[in-house]
Amino acid sequence: MKKSKYMMSGGLAFSEQKDMNKLRKQSLKGWHVKSFAFMGYRLERGQKEDVTYSIDYRSLHDDEREEYVDFFDSAGWTHVCSEANMHLFKALPNTAPIYSEKESKTEKHNSQGKLINGIAGVLFAIAVVLLAISLLTTGTLQTITKLFFIGVAALTVPAIMTAAAVFYQKLKLRL
């Protein structure tokens, strides 16, 4: 029997709660999150347990990490894994949610949005520069810049869509 498997994410900016529900269902079957993976999660086989998952977005310095994890632990949330500014926690059902107030949910989306907006902005600027160069040149340089433009555009479009999804989530909280 396999001891680990991969579970694809629906995209945290688009369907965070769906991902957390899928992780809970996997835990009920005995599959638990070990780490984040490319566009998903790495799960490992274990005992079946009923737990709720939640994610927090926060940039931490190394000296802040222990206090941060202890804070959540004292509220009943166990740290599962972290990747960059994303921190996954689990808790027993009916534990007070990490984000329960409108203000804290807005703070979460602001934190999440800063990173993705920066990435989308840089990629968009690079795409514009590459497009301009490809339109203003000929020959080999034009061909090379067109190829780079296509590659950067392939990254830029999903980044802008993710930034728009985060903005939409923030907008829903205001209404």
C-alpha atoms as a PDB file:
ATOM      1  CA  MET A   1       0.000   0.000   0.000  1.00  0.00           C
ATOM      2  CA  LYS A   2       1.263   3.490  -0.848  1.00  0.00           C
ATOM      3  CA  LYS A   3       2.561   5.554   2.048  1.00  0.00           C
ATOM      4  CA  SER A   4       2.286   8.938   0.353  1.00  0.00           C
ATOM      5  CA  LYS A   5       0.358  10.599  -2.432  1.00  0.00           C
ATOM      6  CA  TYR A   6      -0.158  13.954  -4.120  1.00  0.00           C
ATOM      7  CA  MET A   7      -3.387  15.959  -3.948  1.00  0.00           C
ATOM      8  CA  MET A   8      -3.858  18.835  -6.383  1.00  0.00           C
ATOM      9  CA  SER A   9      -5.000  22.194  -5.046  1.00  0.00           C
ATOM     10  CA  GLY A  10      -7.904  24.073  -6.559  1.00  0.00           C
ATOM     11  CA  GLY A  11      -5.856  27.249  -6.068  1.00  0.00           C
ATOM     12  CA  LEU A  12      -5.893  28.843  -2.640  1.00  0.00           C
ATOM     13  CA  ALA A  13      -6.843  32.250  -4.027  1.00  0.00           C
ATOM     14  CA  PHE A  14      -9.826  30.739  -5.827  1.00  0.00           C
ATOM     15  CA  SER A  15     -11.072  27.973  -3.558  1.00  0.00           C
ATOM     16  CA  GLU A  16      -9.274  27.965  -0.227  1.00  0.00           C
ATOM     17  CA  GLN A  17     -12.237  26.578   1.704  1.00  0.00           C
ATOM     18  CA  LYS A  18     -12.759  23.797  -0.852  1.00  0.00           C
ATOM     19  CA  ASP A  19      -9.115  22.790  -0.416  1.00  0.00           C
ATOM     20  CA  MET A  20      -9.471  22.769   3.365  1.00  0.00           C
ATOM     21  CA  ASN A  21     -12.614  20.610   3.071  1.00  0.00           C
ATOM     22  CA  LYS A  22     -10.828  18.186   0.718  1.00  0.00           C
ATOM     23  CA  LEU A  23      -7.937  17.920   3.188  1.00  0.00           C
ATOM     24  CA  ARG A  24     -10.398  17.160   5.987  1.00  0.00           C
ATOM     25  CA  LYS A  25     -12.016  14.402   3.907  1.00  0.00           C
ATOM     26  CA  GLN A  26      -8.580  12.936   3.221  1.00  0.00           C
ATOM     27  CA  SER A  27      -7.772  12.952   6.964  1.00  0.00           C
ATOM     28  CA  LEU A  28     -11.010  11.079   7.623  1.00  0.00           C
ATOM     29  CA  LYS A  29      -9.669   8.408   5.225  1.00  0.00           C
ATOM     30  CA  GLY A  30      -6.270   8.347   6.948  1.00  0.00           C
ATOM     31  CA  TRP A  31      -4.340  10.633   4.576  1.00  0.00           C
ATOM     32  CA  HIS A  32      -2.690  13.628   6.265  1.00  0.00           C
ATOM     33  CA  VAL A  33      -0.861  16.644   4.882  1.00  0.00           C
ATOM     34  CA  LYS A  34       2.891  16.297   5.161  1.00  0.00           C
ATOM     35  CA  SER A  35       3.900  19.335   3.114  1.00  0.00           C
ATOM     36  CA  PHE A  36       2.952  21.721   0.371  1.00  0.00           C
ATOM     37  CA  ALA A  37       3.853  20.492  -3.114  1.00  0.00           C
ATOM     38  CA  PHE A  38       3.835  22.148  -6.527  1.00  0.00           C
ATOM     39  CA  MET A  39       0.211  23.225  -7.048  1.00  0.00           C
ATOM     40  CA  GLY A  40      -0.987  20.953  -4.273  1.00  0.00           C
ATOM     41  CA  TYR A  41      -0.156  18.954  -1.181  1.00  0.00           C
ATOM     42  CA  ARG A  42       1.928  15.912  -0.310  1.00  0.00           C
ATOM     43  CA  LEU A  43      -0.138  13.527   1.857  1.00  0.00           C
ATOM     44  CA  GLU A  44       1.056  10.579   3.919  1.00  0.00           C
ATOM     45  CA  ARG A  45      -0.801   7.546   5.233  1.00  0.00           C
ATOM     46  CA  GLY A  46      -1.685   7.515   8.947  1.00  0.00           C
ATOM     47  CA  GLN A  47      -4.516   6.932  11.387  1.00  0.00           C
ATOM     48  CA  LYS A  48      -7.955   8.225  10.447  1.00  0.00           C
ATOM     49  CA  GLU A  49      -8.773  11.426  12.301  1.00  0.00           C
ATOM     50  CA  ASP A  50     -11.416  14.120  12.167  1.00  0.00           C
ATOM     51  CA  VAL A  51      -9.605  17.443  11.915  1.00  0.00           C
ATOM     52  CA  THR A  52     -10.285  20.842  10.408  1.00  0.00           C
ATOM     53  CA  TYR A  53      -7.608  22.600   8.358  1.00  0.00           C
ATOM     54  CA  SER A  54      -6.971  26.312   8.054  1.00  0.00           C
ATOM     55  CA  ILE A  55      -4.280  28.379   6.395  1.00  0.00           C
ATOM     56  CA  ASP A  56      -2.659  31.601   7.525  1.00  0.00           C
ATOM     57  CA  TYR A  57      -0.658  33.970   5.351  1.00  0.00           C
ATOM     58  CA  ARG A  58       2.103  35.759   7.197  1.00  0.00           C
ATOM     59  CA  SER A  59       5.713  36.624   6.437  1.00  0.00           C
ATOM     60  CA  LEU A  60       7.882  35.596   9.366  1.00  0.00           C
ATOM     61  CA  HIS A  61      11.505  36.056  10.323  1.00  0.00           C
ATOM     62  CA  ASP A  62      13.222  32.933  11.649  1.00  0.00           C
ATOM     63  CA  ASP A  63      13.204  34.324  15.190  1.00  0.00           C
ATOM     64  CA  GLU A  64       9.400  34.850  15.056  1.00  0.00           C
ATOM     65  CA  ARG A  65       8.430  31.355  13.905  1.00  0.00           C
ATOM     66  CA  GLU A  66       8.443  29.609  17.312  1.00  0.00           C
ATOM     67  CA  GLU A  67       6.324  32.290  19.005  1.00  0.00           C
ATOM     68  CA  TYR A  68       3.933  32.320  16.040  1.00  0.00           C
ATOM     69  CA  VAL A  69       3.410  28.539  16.157  1.00  0.00           C
ATOM     70  CA  ASP A  70       3.031  28.630  19.972  1.00  0.00           C
ATOM     71  CA  PHE A  71       0.311  31.282  19.630  1.00  0.00           C
ATOM     72  CA  PHE A  72      -1.766  29.055  17.360  1.00  0.00           C
ATOM     73  CA  ASP A  73      -1.020  25.994  19.485  1.00  0.00           C
ATOM     74  CA  SER A  74      -2.436  27.749  22.546  1.00  0.00           C
ATOM     75  CA  ALA A  75      -5.653  28.346  20.570  1.00  0.00           C
ATOM     76  CA  GLY A  76      -5.933  24.642  19.689  1.00  0.00           C
ATOM     77  CA  TRP A  77      -4.333  24.760  16.235  1.00  0.00           C
ATOM     78  CA  THR A  78      -1.396  22.439  15.454  1.00  0.00           C
ATOM     79  CA  HIS A  79       1.150  23.561  12.860  1.00  0.00           C
ATOM     80  CA  VAL A  80       1.269  21.132   9.926  1.00  0.00           C
ATOM     81  CA  CYS A  81       3.651  22.744   7.446  1.00  0.00           C
ATOM     82  CA  SER A  82       4.796  26.060   6.002  1.00  0.00           C
ATOM     83  CA  GLU A  83       5.925  27.248   2.606  1.00  0.00           C
ATOM     84  CA  ALA A  84       7.083  30.842   2.128  1.00  0.00           C
ATOM     85  CA  ASN A  85       4.361  32.953   3.789  1.00  0.00           C
ATOM     86  CA  MET A  86       1.720  30.173   3.873  1.00  0.00           C
ATOM     87  CA  HIS A  87       1.243  28.250   7.109  1.00  0.00           C
ATOM     88  CA  LEU A  88      -1.139  25.295   7.341  1.00  0.00           C
ATOM     89  CA  PHE A  89      -2.703  24.340  10.687  1.00  0.00           C
ATOM     90  CA  LYS A  90      -5.093  21.629  11.838  1.00  0.00           C
ATOM     91  CA  ALA A  91      -7.429  21.399  14.825  1.00  0.00           C
ATOM     92  CA  LEU A  92     -10.269  19.339  16.185  1.00  0.00           C
ATOM     93  CA  PRO A  93     -13.721  20.208  14.812  1.00  0.00           C
ATOM     94  CA  ASN A  94     -15.455  23.080  16.619  1.00  0.00           C
ATOM     95  CA  THR A  95     -12.140  24.734  17.532  1.00  0.00           C
ATOM     96  CA  ALA A  96     -12.503  28.504  17.201  1.00  0.00           C
ATOM     97  CA  PRO A  97     -11.573  29.440  13.615  1.00  0.00           C
ATOM     98  CA  ILE A  98      -8.306  31.227  12.903  1.00  0.00           C
ATOM     99  CA  TYR A  99     -10.194  33.910  10.992  1.00  0.00           C
ATOM    100  CA  SER A 100     -13.549  34.608  12.543  1.00  0.00           C
ATOM    101  CA  GLU A 101     -13.967  38.354  12.240  1.00  0.00           C
ATOM    102  CA  LYS A 102     -14.330  40.441   9.124  1.00  0.00           C
ATOM    103  CA  GLU A 103     -11.213  42.461  10.037  1.00  0.00           C
ATOM    104  CA  SER A 104      -9.004  39.397  10.438  1.00  0.00           C
ATOM    105  CA  LYS A 105     -10.264  37.938   7.147  1.00  0.00           C
ATOM    106  CA  THR A 106      -9.494  41.248   5.437  1.00  0.00           C
ATOM    107  CA  GLU A 107      -6.004  41.199   6.960  1.00  0.00           C
ATOM    108  CA  LYS A 108      -5.495  37.682   5.605  1.00  0.00           C
ATOM    109  CA  HIS A 109      -6.472  38.738   2.079  1.00  0.00           C
ATOM    110  CA  ASN A 110      -4.288  41.860   2.301  1.00  0.00           C
ATOM    111  CA  SER A 111      -1.302  39.742   3.299  1.00  0.00           C
ATOM    112  CA  GLN A 112      -2.022  37.227   0.555  1.00  0.00           C
ATOM    113  CA  GLY A 113      -2.573  40.002  -1.989  1.00  0.00           C
ATOM    114  CA  LYS A 114       0.709  41.821  -1.370  1.00  0.00           C
ATOM    115  CA  LEU A 115       2.808  38.921  -2.594  1.00  0.00           C
ATOM    116  CA  ILE A 116       0.707  38.000  -5.614  1.00  0.00           C
ATOM    117  CA  ASN A 117       0.211  41.639  -6.653  1.00  0.00           C
ATOM    118  CA  GLY A 118       3.972  42.150  -6.579  1.00  0.00           C
ATOM    119  CA  ILE A 119       4.605  39.048  -8.655  1.00  0.00           C
ATOM    120  CA  ALA A 120       1.851  39.920 -11.145  1.00  0.00           C
ATOM    121  CA  GLY A 121       3.131  43.497 -11.446  1.00  0.00           C
ATOM    122  CA  VAL A 122       6.720  42.453 -12.130  1.00  0.00           C
ATOM    123  CA  LEU A 123       5.666  39.808 -14.649  1.00  0.00           C
ATOM    124  CA  PHE A 124       3.355  42.277 -16.413  1.00  0.00           C
ATOM    125  CA  ALA A 125       6.142  44.881 -16.649  1.00  0.00           C
ATOM    126  CA  ILE A 126       8.571  42.308 -18.054  1.00  0.00           C
ATOM    127  CA  ALA A 127       5.945  41.165 -20.577  1.00  0.00           C
ATOM    128  CA  VAL A 128       5.362  44.756 -21.745  1.00  0.00           C
ATOM    129  CA  VAL A 129       9.102  45.373 -22.165  1.00  0.00           C
ATOM    130  CA  LEU A 130       9.558  42.116 -24.088  1.00  0.00           C
ATOM    131  CA  LEU A 131       6.579  42.905 -26.312  1.00  0.00           C
ATOM    132  CA  ALA A 132       7.935  46.385 -27.040  1.00  0.00           C
ATOM    133  CA  ILE A 133      11.378  44.998 -27.893  1.00  0.00           C
ATOM    134  CA  SER A 134       9.879  42.344 -30.179  1.00  0.00           C
ATOM    135  CA  LEU A 135       7.816  44.986 -31.996  1.00  0.00           C
ATOM    136  CA  LEU A 136      10.746  47.379 -32.404  1.00  0.00           C
ATOM    137  CA  THR A 137      13.360  44.876 -33.583  1.00  0.00           C
ATOM    138  CA  THR A 138      13.839  42.437 -36.425  1.00  0.00           C
ATOM    139  CA  GLY A 139      15.660  39.214 -37.046  1.00  0.00           C
ATOM    140  CA  THR A 140      17.075  36.974 -34.350  1.00  0.00           C
ATOM    141  CA  LEU A 141      16.553  39.465 -31.506  1.00  0.00           C
ATOM    142  CA  GLN A 142      12.874  39.753 -32.421  1.00  0.00           C
ATOM    143  CA  THR A 143      12.475  35.971 -32.474  1.00  0.00           C
ATOM    144  CA  ILE A 144      14.201  35.562 -29.104  1.00  0.00           C
ATOM    145  CA  THR A 145      12.157  38.306 -27.437  1.00  0.00           C
ATOM    146  CA  LYS A 146       8.924  36.858 -28.861  1.00  0.00           C
ATOM    147  CA  LEU A 147       9.783  33.466 -27.372  1.00  0.00           C
ATOM    148  CA  PHE A 148      10.585  35.020 -23.993  1.00  0.00           C
ATOM    149  CA  PHE A 149       7.392  37.070 -24.210  1.00  0.00           C
ATOM    150  CA  ILE A 150       5.319  33.920 -24.735  1.00  0.00           C
ATOM    151  CA  GLY A 151       6.949  32.286 -21.706  1.00  0.00           C
ATOM    152  CA  VAL A 152       6.452  35.324 -19.478  1.00  0.00           C
ATOM    153  CA  ALA A 153       2.870  35.791 -20.716  1.00  0.00           C
ATOM    154  CA  ALA A 154       2.151  32.165 -19.778  1.00  0.00           C
ATOM    155  CA  LEU A 155       3.114  33.071 -16.191  1.00  0.00           C
ATOM    156  CA  THR A 156       1.592  36.556 -16.200  1.00  0.00           C
ATOM    157  CA  VAL A 157      -1.971  35.549 -17.069  1.00  0.00           C
ATOM    158  CA  PRO A 158      -2.404  33.101 -14.135  1.00  0.00           C
ATOM    159  CA  ALA A 159      -0.704  35.595 -11.785  1.00  0.00           C
ATOM    160  CA  ILE A 160      -3.138  38.343 -12.809  1.00  0.00           C
ATOM    161  CA  MET A 161      -6.081  35.931 -12.477  1.00  0.00           C
ATOM    162  CA  THR A 162      -4.929  35.005  -8.968  1.00  0.00           C
ATOM    163  CA  ALA A 163      -4.528  38.676  -8.027  1.00  0.00           C
ATOM    164  CA  ALA A 164      -8.049  39.309  -9.345  1.00  0.00           C
ATOM    165  CA  ALA A 165      -9.391  36.395  -7.271  1.00  0.00           C
ATOM    166  CA  VAL A 166      -7.787  37.803  -4.113  1.00  0.00           C
ATOM    167  CA  PHE A 167      -9.254  41.228  -4.913  1.00  0.00           C
ATOM    168  CA  TYR A 168     -12.674  39.622  -5.437  1.00  0.00           C
ATOM    169  CA  GLN A 169     -12.441  37.875  -2.049  1.00  0.00           C
ATOM    170  CA  LYS A 170     -11.603  41.210  -0.397  1.00  0.00           C
ATOM    171  CA  LEU A 171     -14.496  42.868  -2.221  1.00  0.00           C
ATOM    172  CA  LYS A 172     -16.933  40.176  -1.035  1.00  0.00           C
ATOM    173  CA  LEU A 173     -15.912  40.879   2.571  1.00  0.00           C
ATOM    174  CA  ARG A 174     -16.743  44.574   2.174  1.00  0.00           C
ATOM    175  CA  LEU A 175     -20.260  43.907   0.883  1.00  0.00           C
END
